[in-house]
C-alpha atoms as a PDB file:
ATOM      1  CA  MET A   1     151.349  95.238  92.735  1.00  0.00           C
ATOM      2  CA  ALA A   2     152.447  93.041  95.498  1.00  0.00           C
ATOM      3  CA  ALA A   3     150.763  95.089  98.208  1.00  0.00           C
ATOM      4  CA  LYS A   4     147.645  94.849  96.305  1.00  0.00           C
ATOM      5  CA  ALA A   5     148.160  90.835  96.344  1.00  0.00           C
ATOM      6  CA  SER A   6     148.987  91.026 100.258  1.00  0.00           C
ATOM      7  CA  ARG A   7     145.450  92.295 100.388  1.00  0.00           C
ATOM      8  CA  VAL A   8     143.888  90.004  98.427  1.00  0.00           C
ATOM      9  CA  THR A   9     145.511  86.826 100.258  1.00  0.00           C
ATOM     10  CA  GLN A  10     144.253  88.445 103.435  1.00  0.00           C
ATOM     11  CA  ARG A  11     140.550  88.372 101.768  1.00  0.00           C
ATOM     12  CA  LEU A  12     140.919  84.690 100.837  1.00  0.00           C
ATOM     13  CA  LYS A  13     142.081  83.765 104.695  1.00  0.00           C
ATOM     14  CA  GLU A  14     139.255  85.670 105.962  1.00  0.00           C
ATOM     15  CA  ALA A  15     136.981  83.848 103.846  1.00  0.00           C
ATOM     16  CA  VAL A  16     138.433  80.329 104.516  1.00  0.00           C
ATOM     17  CA  GLY A  17     138.713  81.557 108.069  1.00  0.00           C
ATOM     18  CA  GLY A  18     135.772  83.081 108.696  1.00  0.00           C
ATOM     19  CA  ALA A  19     135.369  86.785 110.531  1.00  0.00           C
ATOM     20  CA  GLY A  20     137.310  86.006 113.833  1.00  0.00           C
ATOM     21  CA  ASN A  21     140.290  85.661 111.383  1.00  0.00           C
ATOM     22  CA  SER A  22     140.454  89.328 111.657  1.00  0.00           C
ATOM     23  CA  TYR A  23     142.718  90.997 113.716  1.00  0.00           C
ATOM     24  CA  HIS A  24     140.871  94.024 114.603  1.00  0.00           C
ATOM     25  CA  ARG A  25     137.351  93.378 114.231  1.00  0.00           C
ATOM     26  CA  ASN A  26     135.573  96.159 116.210  1.00  0.00           C
ATOM     27  CA  ASN A  27     132.958  94.107 118.579  1.00  0.00           C
ATOM     28  CA  ASP A  28     130.591  97.065 119.227  1.00  0.00           C
ATOM     29  CA  LEU A  29     130.511  97.902 115.151  1.00  0.00           C
ATOM     30  CA  SER A  30     129.358  93.772 115.101  1.00  0.00           C
ATOM     31  CA  ILE A  31     127.058  94.006 117.710  1.00  0.00           C
ATOM     32  CA  ALA A  32     125.422  97.707 116.356  1.00  0.00           C
ATOM     33  CA  ALA A  33     125.292  95.908 112.532  1.00  0.00           C
ATOM     34  CA  GLN A  34     122.787  93.260 114.106  1.00  0.00           C
ATOM     35  CA  GLN A  35     121.080  95.434 115.672  1.00  0.00           C
ATOM     36  CA  TYR A  36     120.253  97.258 112.648  1.00  0.00           C
ATOM     37  CA  ASN A  37     119.630  94.262 110.728  1.00  0.00           C
ATOM     38  CA  THR A  38     117.276  93.316 113.040  1.00  0.00           C
ATOM     39  CA  MET A  39     115.758  96.826 113.116  1.00  0.00           C
ATOM     40  CA  LYS A  40     115.764  96.783 108.970  1.00  0.00           C
ATOM     41  CA  THR A  41     113.735  94.029 108.615  1.00  0.00           C
ATOM     42  CA  ASN A  42     110.817  95.069 110.763  1.00  0.00           C
ATOM     43  CA  LEU A  43     110.947  98.402 108.708  1.00  0.00           C
ATOM     44  CA  ASN A  44     110.666  96.658 105.494  1.00  0.00           C
ATOM     45  CA  LEU A  45     107.660  94.632 106.991  1.00  0.00           C
ATOM     46  CA  LEU A  46     106.249  97.815 107.984  1.00  0.00           C
ATOM     47  CA  VAL A  47     106.371  99.080 104.356  1.00  0.00           C
ATOM     48  CA  LYS A  48     105.527  96.194 103.048  1.00  0.00           C
ATOM     49  CA  SER A  49     102.413  95.767 105.032  1.00  0.00           C
ATOM     50  CA  LEU A  50     101.556 100.104 103.914  1.00  0.00           C
ATOM     51  CA  ARG A  51     101.664  99.227 100.675  1.00  0.00           C
ATOM     52  CA  ALA A  52      99.720  95.922 100.711  1.00  0.00           C
ATOM     53  CA  GLN A  53      96.662  98.259 102.624  1.00  0.00           C
ATOM     54  CA  HIS A  54      96.864 100.918 100.086  1.00  0.00           C
ATOM     55  CA  HIS A  55      96.279  97.721  97.426  1.00  0.00           C
ATOM     56  CA  ALA A  56      93.457  96.412  99.768  1.00  0.00           C
ATOM     57  CA  LEU A  57      91.897  99.834  99.945  1.00  0.00           C
ATOM     58  CA  VAL A  58      92.035 100.360  96.215  1.00  0.00           C
ATOM     59  CA  GLN A  59      90.395  97.226  95.808  1.00  0.00           C
ATOM     60  CA  LEU A  60      87.663  97.526  97.952  1.00  0.00           C
ATOM     61  CA  ASN A  61      86.705 100.522  96.115  1.00  0.00           C
ATOM     62  CA  LYS A  62      86.371  98.765  93.093  1.00  0.00           C
ATOM     63  CA  THR A  63      84.898  95.895  94.423  1.00  0.00           C
ATOM     64  CA  ARG A  64      82.058  98.883  95.976  1.00  0.00           C
ATOM     65  CA  MET A  65      81.486 100.243  92.937  1.00  0.00           C
ATOM     66  CA  GLU A  66      80.712  96.720  90.725  1.00  0.00           C
ATOM     67  CA  ILE A  67      78.469  95.700  93.833  1.00  0.00           C
ATOM     68  CA  ALA A  68      76.729  99.040  92.787  1.00  0.00           C
ATOM     69  CA  ARG A  69      76.413  98.725  89.293  1.00  0.00           C
ATOM     70  CA  SER A  70      75.392  94.977  89.777  1.00  0.00           C
ATOM     71  CA  VAL A  71      72.555  96.012  92.459  1.00  0.00           C
ATOM     72  CA  ALA A  72      71.187  98.968  89.776  1.00  0.00           C
ATOM     73  CA  GLN A  73      71.139  96.180  87.214  1.00  0.00           C
ATOM     74  CA  MET A  74      69.788  93.459  88.876  1.00  0.00           C
ATOM     75  CA  THR A  75      66.629  95.694  89.843  1.00  0.00           C
ATOM     76  CA  MET A  76      65.739  97.556  86.960  1.00  0.00           C
ATOM     77  CA  LYS A  77      61.813  97.008  86.171  1.00  0.00           C
ATOM     78  CA  SER A  78      61.453  95.833  89.494  1.00  0.00           C
ATOM     79  CA  PRO A  79      60.014  98.120  93.097  1.00  0.00           C
ATOM     80  CA  LEU A  80      63.359  97.917  94.604  1.00  0.00           C
ATOM     81  CA  TYR A  81      64.907 100.267  91.292  1.00  0.00           C
ATOM     82  CA  ASP A  82      64.386 104.044  93.012  1.00  0.00           C
ATOM     83  CA  CYS A  83      66.091 103.153  96.401  1.00  0.00           C
ATOM     84  CA  THR A  84      68.635 100.800  95.145  1.00  0.00           C
ATOM     85  CA  GLY A  85      69.957 101.542  91.749  1.00  0.00           C
ATOM     86  CA  LYS A  86      68.472 104.691  90.647  1.00  0.00           C
ATOM     87  CA  PHE A  87      70.768 107.101  89.701  1.00  0.00           C
ATOM     88  CA  ALA A  88      70.946 110.924  89.823  1.00  0.00           C
ATOM     89  CA  LYS A  89      69.613 112.777  86.822  1.00  0.00           C
ATOM     90  CA  PRO A  90      69.775 116.456  85.926  1.00  0.00           C
ATOM     91  CA  ASP A  91      66.127 116.934  86.545  1.00  0.00           C
ATOM     92  CA  THR A  92      66.556 114.653  90.078  1.00  0.00           C
ATOM     93  CA  PRO A  93      69.538 115.622  90.788  1.00  0.00           C
ATOM     94  CA  HIS A  94      68.672 114.429  94.851  1.00  0.00           C
ATOM     95  CA  VAL A  95      68.795 111.263  94.507  1.00  0.00           C
ATOM     96  CA  VAL A  96      68.793 108.895  97.405  1.00  0.00           C
ATOM     97  CA  SER A  97      69.766 105.279  97.085  1.00  0.00           C
ATOM     98  CA  TYR A  98      72.208 102.862  97.630  1.00  0.00           C
ATOM     99  CA  ALA A  99      74.011 102.955  94.534  1.00  0.00           C
ATOM    100  CA  THR A 100      74.142 106.861  94.517  1.00  0.00           C
ATOM    101  CA  VAL A 101      75.784 106.253  98.553  1.00  0.00           C
ATOM    102  CA  HIS A 102      78.407 104.068  97.321  1.00  0.00           C
ATOM    103  CA  ASN A 103      78.943 106.211  94.272  1.00  0.00           C
ATOM    104  CA  SER A 104      79.940 109.166  96.234  1.00  0.00           C
ATOM    105  CA  LEU A 105      81.833 107.110  98.886  1.00  0.00           C
ATOM    106  CA  ALA A 106      83.865 105.994  96.196  1.00  0.00           C
ATOM    107  CA  LYS A 107      84.800 109.184  94.925  1.00  0.00           C
ATOM    108  CA  GLN A 108      85.594 110.411  98.656  1.00  0.00           C
ATOM    109  CA  HIS A 109      87.719 107.193  98.980  1.00  0.00           C
ATOM    110  CA  GLU A 110      89.663 107.344  95.605  1.00  0.00           C
ATOM    111  CA  ASN A 111      90.919 111.008  96.827  1.00  0.00           C
ATOM    112  CA  LEU A 112      91.766 109.732 100.221  1.00  0.00           C
ATOM    113  CA  CYS A 113      93.557 106.658  98.704  1.00  0.00           C
ATOM    114  CA  GLU A 114      95.782 109.233  96.752  1.00  0.00           C
ATOM    115  CA  LYS A 115      96.525 111.228 100.411  1.00  0.00           C
ATOM    116  CA  TYR A 116      97.149 107.474 101.910  1.00  0.00           C
ATOM    117  CA  ASN A 117      99.449 106.842  99.757  1.00  0.00           C
ATOM    118  CA  GLN A 118     101.241 110.634  99.159  1.00  0.00           C
ATOM    119  CA  PHE A 119     101.158 111.043 102.825  1.00  0.00           C
ATOM    120  CA  VAL A 120     101.858 107.256 104.254  1.00  0.00           C
ATOM    121  CA  VAL A 121     103.316 105.128 102.017  1.00  0.00           C
ATOM    122  CA  ALA A 122     105.591 107.400 100.596  1.00  0.00           C
ATOM    123  CA  TYR A 123     106.840 108.361 104.066  1.00  0.00           C
ATOM    124  CA  ALA A 124     107.514 105.142 105.211  1.00  0.00           C
ATOM    125  CA  VAL A 125     109.606 104.059 101.535  1.00  0.00           C
ATOM    126  CA  GLU A 126     111.766 107.202 102.182  1.00  0.00           C
ATOM    127  CA  TRP A 127     112.517 106.351 105.836  1.00  0.00           C
ATOM    128  CA  GLN A 128     113.832 102.967 104.560  1.00  0.00           C
ATOM    129  CA  ARG A 129     115.334 104.372 101.819  1.00  0.00           C
ATOM    130  CA  ILE A 130     117.410 106.702 103.850  1.00  0.00           C
ATOM    131  CA  VAL A 131     118.099 104.884 106.642  1.00  0.00           C
ATOM    132  CA  ASN A 132     119.340 101.413 104.897  1.00  0.00           C
ATOM    133  CA  THR A 133     121.265 103.601 101.955  1.00  0.00           C
ATOM    134  CA  ARG A 134     123.282 105.609 104.460  1.00  0.00           C
ATOM    135  CA  VAL A 135     123.863 102.329 106.906  1.00  0.00           C
ATOM    136  CA  SER A 136     124.650 100.392 104.009  1.00  0.00           C
ATOM    137  CA  VAL A 137     127.206 102.569 102.798  1.00  0.00           C
ATOM    138  CA  SER A 138     128.722 103.133 106.169  1.00  0.00           C
ATOM    139  CA  LEU A 139     128.770  99.438 106.673  1.00  0.00           C
ATOM    140  CA  LYS A 140     130.739  98.994 103.650  1.00  0.00           C
ATOM    141  CA  LYS A 141     133.537 101.961 104.326  1.00  0.00           C
ATOM    142  CA  ALA A 142     134.093 100.448 107.717  1.00  0.00           C
ATOM    143  CA  GLU A 143     134.740  96.993 106.145  1.00  0.00           C
ATOM    144  CA  THR A 144     137.371  98.736 103.810  1.00  0.00           C
ATOM    145  CA  LEU A 145     138.675 100.374 106.490  1.00  0.00           C
ATOM    146  CA  ARG A 146     139.422  97.582 108.566  1.00  0.00           C
ATOM    147  CA  ARG A 147     140.777  95.152 106.094  1.00  0.00           C
ATOM    148  CA  GLU A 148     143.316  98.511 105.179  1.00  0.00           C
ATOM    149  CA  LEU A 149     144.362  98.415 109.182  1.00  0.00           C
ATOM    150  CA  ASP A 150     144.405  94.290 108.651  1.00  0.00           C
ATOM    151  CA  HIS A 151     146.996  94.668 105.394  1.00  0.00           C
ATOM    152  CA  TYR A 152     149.398  97.032 107.567  1.00  0.00           C
ATOM    153  CA  SER A 153     148.834  94.822 110.777  1.00  0.00           C
ATOM    154  CA  GLN A 154     150.158  92.137 109.205  1.00  0.00           C
ATOM    155  CA  LYS A 155     152.239  93.710 106.451  1.00  0.00           C
ATOM    156  CA  VAL A 156     154.644  95.475 110.026  1.00  0.00           C
ATOM    157  CA  GLU A 157     154.322  92.237 111.452  1.00  0.00           C
ATOM    158  CA  SER A 158     156.048  90.420 108.478  1.00  0.00           C
ATOM    159  CA  LEU A 159     158.578  92.990 108.827  1.00  0.00           C
ATOM    160  CA  ARG A 160     159.234  92.746 112.199  1.00  0.00           C
ATOM    161  CA  THR A 161     159.568  89.102 112.446  1.00  0.00           C
ATOM    162  CA  SER A 162     161.998  88.890 109.176  1.00  0.00           C
ATOM    163  CA  PHE A 163     164.547  91.600 111.197  1.00  0.00           C
ATOM    164  CA  GLY A 164     164.607  89.666 114.205  1.00  0.00           C
ATOM    165  CA  VAL A 165     165.459  86.761 112.167  1.00  0.00           C
ATOM    166  CA  GLN A 166     167.962  88.632 110.161  1.00  0.00           C
ATOM    167  CA  MET A 167     169.397  89.978 113.633  1.00  0.00           C
ATOM    168  CA  ALA A 168     169.508  86.745 115.597  1.00  0.00           C
ATOM    169  CA  LYS A 169     171.483  85.388 112.419  1.00  0.00           C
ATOM    170  CA  GLY A 170     174.140  88.432 113.388  1.00  0.00           C
ATOM    171  CA  LYS A 171     173.075  90.165 110.247  1.00  0.00           C
ATOM    172  CA  ASN A 172     172.242  93.938 109.815  1.00  0.00           C
ATOM    173  CA  VAL A 173     169.275  95.285 108.620  1.00  0.00           C
ATOM    174  CA  ASP A 174     169.781  97.430 105.631  1.00  0.00           C
ATOM    175  CA  ALA A 175     168.921 100.946 105.424  1.00  0.00           C
ATOM    176  CA  LYS A 176     165.922 100.514 102.409  1.00  0.00           C
ATOM    177  CA  SER A 177     163.821  97.718 104.752  1.00  0.00           C
ATOM    178  CA  GLN A 178     164.366  99.922 108.054  1.00  0.00           C
ATOM    179  CA  GLU A 179     162.662 102.694 105.667  1.00  0.00           C
ATOM    180  CA  LYS A 180     160.426 100.420 104.765  1.00  0.00           C
ATOM    181  CA  LEU A 181     159.816  99.293 108.259  1.00  0.00           C
ATOM    182  CA  ALA A 182     158.715 102.714 109.553  1.00  0.00           C
ATOM    183  CA  ARG A 183     156.545 104.118 106.535  1.00  0.00           C
ATOM    184  CA  ASN A 184     154.691 100.814 107.310  1.00  0.00           C
ATOM    185  CA  GLU A 185     154.392 101.527 110.730  1.00  0.00           C
ATOM    186  CA  GLU A 186     153.276 105.156 109.951  1.00  0.00           C
ATOM    187  CA  LYS A 187     150.348 103.775 107.682  1.00  0.00           C
ATOM    188  CA  LEU A 188     149.081 101.856 110.652  1.00  0.00           C
ATOM    189  CA  LYS A 189     149.217 104.215 112.956  1.00  0.00           C
ATOM    190  CA  THR A 190     146.907 106.349 110.336  1.00  0.00           C
ATOM    191  CA  SER A 191     145.003 103.345 109.359  1.00  0.00           C
ATOM    192  CA  LYS A 192     144.260 102.195 112.991  1.00  0.00           C
ATOM    193  CA  LYS A 193     143.274 106.185 113.902  1.00  0.00           C
ATOM    194  CA  GLU A 194     141.346 106.289 111.085  1.00  0.00           C
ATOM    195  CA  TYR A 195     139.195 102.812 111.451  1.00  0.00           C
ATOM    196  CA  GLY A 196     138.797 103.609 115.425  1.00  0.00           C
ATOM    197  CA  VAL A 197     137.100 106.745 114.682  1.00  0.00           C
ATOM    198  CA  PHE A 198     134.871 105.865 112.116  1.00  0.00           C
ATOM    199  CA  ALA A 199     133.608 102.695 113.836  1.00  0.00           C
ATOM    200  CA  GLN A 200     132.405 104.663 116.680  1.00  0.00           C
ATOM    201  CA  SER A 201     130.720 107.177 114.320  1.00  0.00           C
ATOM    202  CA  LEU A 202     129.085 104.712 113.170  1.00  0.00           C
ATOM    203  CA  CYS A 203     128.141 102.511 116.001  1.00  0.00           C
ATOM    204  CA  MET A 204     126.694 105.920 117.507  1.00  0.00           C
ATOM    205  CA  LEU A 205     124.883 106.565 114.141  1.00  0.00           C
ATOM    206  CA  ILE A 206     123.496 103.132 114.086  1.00  0.00           C
ATOM    207  CA  ASP A 207     122.232 103.345 118.080  1.00  0.00           C
ATOM    208  CA  GLU A 208     120.335 106.742 116.756  1.00  0.00           C
ATOM    209  CA  ILE A 209     118.547 104.678 113.701  1.00  0.00           C
ATOM    210  CA  VAL A 210     117.536 101.758 115.902  1.00  0.00           C
ATOM    211  CA  ASN A 211     117.267 102.793 119.436  1.00  0.00           C
ATOM    212  CA  ARG A 212     115.329 106.084 119.058  1.00  0.00           C
ATOM    213  CA  ALA A 213     113.625 104.595 115.709  1.00  0.00           C
ATOM    214  CA  TRP A 214     110.619 105.715 117.498  1.00  0.00           C
ATOM    215  CA  LYS A 215     111.095 109.538 116.462  1.00  0.00           C
ATOM    216  CA  ASP A 216     110.753 108.639 113.004  1.00  0.00           C
ATOM    217  CA  LEU A 217     107.706 106.425 113.602  1.00  0.00           C
ATOM    218  CA  GLN A 218     106.128 109.264 115.520  1.00  0.00           C
ATOM    219  CA  PRO A 219     105.357 111.242 112.279  1.00  0.00           C
ATOM    220  CA  LEU A 220     103.950 108.322 110.536  1.00  0.00           C
ATOM    221  CA  LEU A 221     101.608 107.221 113.426  1.00  0.00           C
ATOM    222  CA  VAL A 222     100.344 110.748 112.764  1.00  0.00           C
ATOM    223  CA  LYS A 223      99.446 110.636 109.953  1.00  0.00           C
ATOM    224  CA  MET A 224      98.467 106.999 109.927  1.00  0.00           C
ATOM    225  CA  ALA A 225      95.789 107.982 112.796  1.00  0.00           C
ATOM    226  CA  GLN A 226      94.730 110.950 110.862  1.00  0.00           C
ATOM    227  CA  PHE A 227      93.503 108.792 108.077  1.00  0.00           C
ATOM    228  CA  ASP A 228      91.949 106.437 109.677  1.00  0.00           C
ATOM    229  CA  THR A 229      89.970 108.915 111.415  1.00  0.00           C
ATOM    230  CA  THR A 230      89.310 110.915 108.156  1.00  0.00           C
ATOM    231  CA  MET A 231      88.111 108.104 106.378  1.00  0.00           C
ATOM    232  CA  SER A 232      85.591 106.359 109.243  1.00  0.00           C
ATOM    233  CA  ALA A 233      83.723 110.469 109.537  1.00  0.00           C
ATOM    234  CA  SER A 234      84.177 110.276 105.654  1.00  0.00           C
ATOM    235  CA  GLU A 235      81.985 106.698 105.739  1.00  0.00           C
ATOM    236  CA  ALA A 236      79.681 107.290 108.504  1.00  0.00           C
ATOM    237  CA  ASN A 237      78.934 110.597 107.243  1.00  0.00           C
ATOM    238  CA  THR A 238      77.823 108.989 103.637  1.00  0.00           C
ATOM    239  CA  MET A 239      76.447 106.019 104.908  1.00  0.00           C
ATOM    240  CA  LYS A 240      73.924 107.182 107.190  1.00  0.00           C
ATOM    241  CA  ASN A 241      72.301 108.070 104.031  1.00  0.00           C
ATOM    242  CA  LEU A 242      71.418 104.615 103.589  1.00  0.00           C
ATOM    243  CA  ASN A 243      68.855 104.685 106.523  1.00  0.00           C
ATOM    244  CA  VAL A 244      66.804 106.289 103.909  1.00  0.00           C
ATOM    245  CA  VAL A 245      67.302 103.180 101.658  1.00  0.00           C
ATOM    246  CA  ILE A 246      66.747 101.247 104.748  1.00  0.00           C
ATOM    247  CA  ASP A 247      63.134 102.543 105.642  1.00  0.00           C
ATOM    248  CA  GLN A 248      62.040 102.544 102.187  1.00  0.00           C
ATOM    249  CA  LEU A 249      62.968  98.821 101.225  1.00  0.00           C
ATOM    250  CA  LYS A 250      61.485  97.479 104.850  1.00  0.00           C
ATOM    251  CA  GLY A 251      58.043  99.313 103.570  1.00  0.00           C
ATOM    252  CA  ILE A 252      58.417  97.533  99.925  1.00  0.00           C
ATOM    253  CA  GLY A 253      58.862  94.696 102.263  1.00  0.00           C
ATOM    254  CA  GLN A 254      55.747  95.291 104.089  1.00  0.00           C
ATOM    255  CA  ARG A 255      53.592  96.309 100.795  1.00  0.00           C
ATOM    256  CA  TYR A 256      54.391  93.107  99.422  1.00  0.00           C
ATOM    257  CA  ASP A 257      54.400  90.916 102.131  1.00  0.00           C
ATOM    258  CA  LEU A 258      57.861  89.886 101.768  1.00  0.00           C
ATOM    259  CA  ARG A 259      59.223  87.804 105.370  1.00  0.00           C
ATOM    260  CA  THR A 260      62.296  89.009 107.201  1.00  0.00           C
ATOM    261  CA  ASP A 261      64.055  85.530 106.881  1.00  0.00           C
ATOM    262  CA  ALA A 262      63.942  86.006 103.020  1.00  0.00           C
ATOM    263  CA  ARG A 263      62.644  82.717 100.900  1.00  0.00           C
ATOM    264  CA  LEU A 264      65.845  80.546  99.949  1.00  0.00           C
ATOM    265  CA  LYS A 265      64.349  77.739 101.664  1.00  0.00           C
ATOM    266  CA  ASP A 266      61.158  77.972  99.496  1.00  0.00           C
ATOM    267  CA  LEU A 267      63.223  78.678  96.465  1.00  0.00           C
ATOM    268  CA  GLU A 268      64.766  75.295  96.979  1.00  0.00           C
ATOM    269  CA  THR A 269      61.838  73.054  97.925  1.00  0.00           C
ATOM    270  CA  LYS A 270      58.539  74.692  97.074  1.00  0.00           C
ATOM    271  CA  THR A 271      56.934  73.886  93.432  1.00  0.00           C
ATOM    272  CA  ALA A 272      56.756  76.474  90.953  1.00  0.00           C
ATOM    273  CA  ARG A 273      52.789  77.579  91.557  1.00  0.00           C
ATOM    274  CA  GLU A 274      53.369  77.413  95.231  1.00  0.00           C
ATOM    275  CA  LEU A 275      56.043  79.795  94.655  1.00  0.00           C
ATOM    276  CA  TYR A 276      54.933  81.990  92.141  1.00  0.00           C
ATOM    277  CA  SER A 277      53.982  85.602  93.069  1.00  0.00           C
ATOM    278  CA  GLY A 278      52.945  87.163  89.728  1.00  0.00           C
ATOM    279  CA  ASP A 279      49.610  87.449  88.166  1.00  0.00           C
ATOM    280  CA  ASP A 280      46.840  85.061  87.264  1.00  0.00           C
ATOM    281  CA  PRO A 281      49.510  81.466  86.836  1.00  0.00           C
ATOM    282  CA  GLU A 282      46.500  80.037  84.409  1.00  0.00           C
ATOM    283  CA  SER A 283      47.244  83.519  81.984  1.00  0.00           C
ATOM    284  CA  PHE A 284      50.643  83.024  82.892  1.00  0.00           C
ATOM    285  CA  ILE A 285      50.981  79.396  81.763  1.00  0.00           C
ATOM    286  CA  ASN A 286      48.205  80.271  79.106  1.00  0.00           C
ATOM    287  CA  HIS A 287      50.223  83.047  77.173  1.00  0.00           C
ATOM    288  CA  HIS A 288      53.773  82.217  78.676  1.00  0.00           C
ATOM    289  CA  LEU A 289      54.360  78.798  78.525  1.00  0.00           C
ATOM    290  CA  ILE A 290      52.439  77.084  75.475  1.00  0.00           C
ATOM    291  CA  ASP A 291      53.381  77.108  72.150  1.00  0.00           C
ATOM    292  CA  SER A 292      50.599  77.875  69.448  1.00  0.00           C
ATOM    293  CA  ASN A 293      51.222  75.147  67.511  1.00  0.00           C
ATOM    294  CA  ASP A 294      50.319  72.829  70.852  1.00  0.00           C
ATOM    295  CA  GLN A 295      47.267  74.556  72.333  1.00  0.00           C
ATOM    296  CA  ASN A 296      44.566  72.140  71.101  1.00  0.00           C
ATOM    297  CA  ALA A 297      47.266  69.381  72.387  1.00  0.00           C
ATOM    298  CA  LEU A 298      47.976  71.178  75.763  1.00  0.00           C
ATOM    299  CA  GLN A 299      45.341  73.194  77.802  1.00  0.00           C
ATOM    300  CA  GLY A 300      45.290  75.064  80.602  1.00  0.00           C
ATOM    301  CA  GLN A 301      44.889  72.193  83.394  1.00  0.00           C
ATOM    302  CA  GLN A 302      47.579  70.182  81.865  1.00  0.00           C
ATOM    303  CA  ALA A 303      50.092  72.920  81.944  1.00  0.00           C
ATOM    304  CA  ALA A 304      49.257  73.667  85.548  1.00  0.00           C
ATOM    305  CA  ASN A 305      50.018  70.029  86.087  1.00  0.00           C
ATOM    306  CA  LEU A 306      53.346  70.526  84.842  1.00  0.00           C
ATOM    307  CA  LEU A 307      54.100  73.718  87.428  1.00  0.00           C
ATOM    308  CA  GLU A 308      53.067  71.113  90.013  1.00  0.00           C
ATOM    309  CA  PHE A 309      55.255  68.273  89.277  1.00  0.00           C
ATOM    310  CA  GLN A 310      57.940  67.593  92.069  1.00  0.00           C
ATOM    311  CA  GLY A 311      60.695  65.667  90.495  1.00  0.00           C
ATOM    312  CA  ASN A 312      64.535  65.715  90.465  1.00  0.00           C
ATOM    313  CA  PRO A 313      66.069  68.947  92.204  1.00  0.00           C
ATOM    314  CA  ASN A 314      67.987  69.046  88.780  1.00  0.00           C
ATOM    315  CA  ASP A 315      64.789  67.884  86.316  1.00  0.00           C
ATOM    316  CA  TRP A 316      63.788  70.607  83.614  1.00  0.00           C
ATOM    317  CA  SER A 317      60.529  71.464  85.905  1.00  0.00           C
ATOM    318  CA  SER A 318      62.991  73.051  88.529  1.00  0.00           C
ATOM    319  CA  PRO A 319      63.451  76.564  88.709  1.00  0.00           C
ATOM    320  CA  ALA A 320      65.666  77.589  85.968  1.00  0.00           C
ATOM    321  CA  ILE A 321      68.551  79.691  85.670  1.00  0.00           C
ATOM    322  CA  THR A 322      68.305  81.757  82.469  1.00  0.00           C
ATOM    323  CA  SER A 323      70.976  83.437  80.783  1.00  0.00           C
ATOM    324  CA  GLY A 324      72.794  86.506  81.469  1.00  0.00           C
ATOM    325  CA  ASP A 325      73.969  88.085  78.420  1.00  0.00           C
ATOM    326  CA  ASP A 326      71.394  90.674  78.222  1.00  0.00           C
ATOM    327  CA  TYR A 327      72.122  91.455  81.664  1.00  0.00           C
ATOM    328  CA  ASN A 328      75.800  91.510  80.983  1.00  0.00           C
ATOM    329  CA  ASN A 329      75.901  93.349  78.070  1.00  0.00           C
ATOM    330  CA  GLN A 330      73.437  96.067  80.044  1.00  0.00           C
ATOM    331  CA  MET A 331      75.939  95.861  82.818  1.00  0.00           C
ATOM    332  CA  ASN A 332      78.889  96.701  80.633  1.00  0.00           C
ATOM    333  CA  SER A 333      77.460  99.539  79.146  1.00  0.00           C
ATOM    334  CA  LEU A 334      75.601 100.864  82.193  1.00  0.00           C
ATOM    335  CA  SER A 335      77.560 104.182  83.508  1.00  0.00           C
ATOM    336  CA  ILE A 336      77.622 105.168  86.790  1.00  0.00           C
ATOM    337  CA  GLY A 337      76.811 108.641  87.485  1.00  0.00           C
ATOM    338  CA  GLY A 338      77.462 111.680  89.702  1.00  0.00           C
ATOM    339  CA  ASN A 339      74.913 112.599  92.688  1.00  0.00           C
ATOM    340  CA  ASN A 340      75.729 116.603  92.836  1.00  0.00           C
ATOM    341  CA  GLN A 341      74.110 116.331  96.442  1.00  0.00           C
ATOM    342  CA  TYR A 342      77.157 114.186  97.598  1.00  0.00           C
ATOM    343  CA  ASN A 343      79.469 116.403  95.128  1.00  0.00           C
ATOM    344  CA  ASN A 344      79.298 118.824  97.398  1.00  0.00           C
ATOM    345  CA  ASN A 345      80.072 117.046 100.706  1.00  0.00           C
ATOM    346  CA  SER A 346      82.892 115.485  99.183  1.00  0.00           C
ATOM    347  CA  ASN A 347      84.284 118.486  97.441  1.00  0.00           C
ATOM    348  CA  GLN A 348      84.057 119.866 100.855  1.00  0.00           C
ATOM    349  CA  PHE A 349      85.675 116.893 102.864  1.00  0.00           C
ATOM    350  CA  ASN A 350      88.141 116.717  99.943  1.00  0.00           C
ATOM    351  CA  SER A 351      89.704 120.323 101.218  1.00  0.00           C
ATOM    352  CA  ASN A 352      89.458 119.650 104.782  1.00  0.00           C
ATOM    353  CA  SER A 353      90.981 116.594 103.903  1.00  0.00           C
ATOM    354  CA  SER A 354      93.929 117.710 102.217  1.00  0.00           C
ATOM    355  CA  ASN A 355      94.524 121.359 104.480  1.00  0.00           C
ATOM    356  CA  GLN A 356      94.524 118.654 107.599  1.00  0.00           C
ATOM    357  CA  TYR A 357      97.275 116.642 105.764  1.00  0.00           C
ATOM    358  CA  ASN A 358      99.242 119.030 103.880  1.00  0.00           C
ATOM    359  CA  ASN A 359      99.502 121.262 107.562  1.00  0.00           C
ATOM    360  CA  ASN A 360     100.454 117.951 109.268  1.00  0.00           C
ATOM    361  CA  ASN A 361     103.045 117.062 106.378  1.00  0.00           C
END
């Protein structure tokens, strides 16, 4: 009980006086621990970044599919639909459109994201776990051994001081006290040896973990580089089919006399009649704008005057933004189907990619 109380007293002294109050703190181990803390910070940052990249890749895949759905919905019943929003069907399995290309790419990337998490992120997390667990446990044990050594050092010193005082007064030291001193000197000798051996071994372990971390980083870098090259090759192989889509879009532009600089400025500044590119505007006015009850009061020319009105851009006659509820309802019901042509490529790629990763792993 007294020994336990003395150990508590020693810890309180160190807490008040700081680390320098220790009798046997190993300077080499203190330096090694500082180096490990720096390496630990860098490794934690690497793991955090790899996890963030995996999350970003998953989100990129989701947004690509959302864009494909939006394009498909917005091009329905337009000349653009066949080359942008159309999907493969049993009777037309070889459709090449913006949507089918991105649908195929999304499936390939989903498989790649799983492999990235399995072979890249998981490796880094396991490396982090092993290093942090082993070194942290060892440092705690080294600290326990050091405290034991300090305890016996102080105890032996205290007994020797007490004996010296008694002998200075001409008193003899009894046999029981001498036996106690001998017993604690033996414990001090054992504790000093145990702490010295353990601290030396721990310094060697930390030196290997910190200064040769590149050996553990090398397999991770191989996996990361393999992923990057596989992903870029997969994307390039699939995205090259968009060249067909580009040619078709350019052909539509020429057929409908669309300018390459787009017409957003015209949408902002021109009148409705100047913008209108549908059928005869007079026919549009008569069939769409004039209520049957007002036909006698509002003739075609008056309706045309409404289209010529150039007032405040926020006025009712400016280009209107129609409700998107119908579009949203159709969007939610739209199901992105598969493409047999691309699925074959995807299956072949997935097989090659899996073998590549598994061989390395």
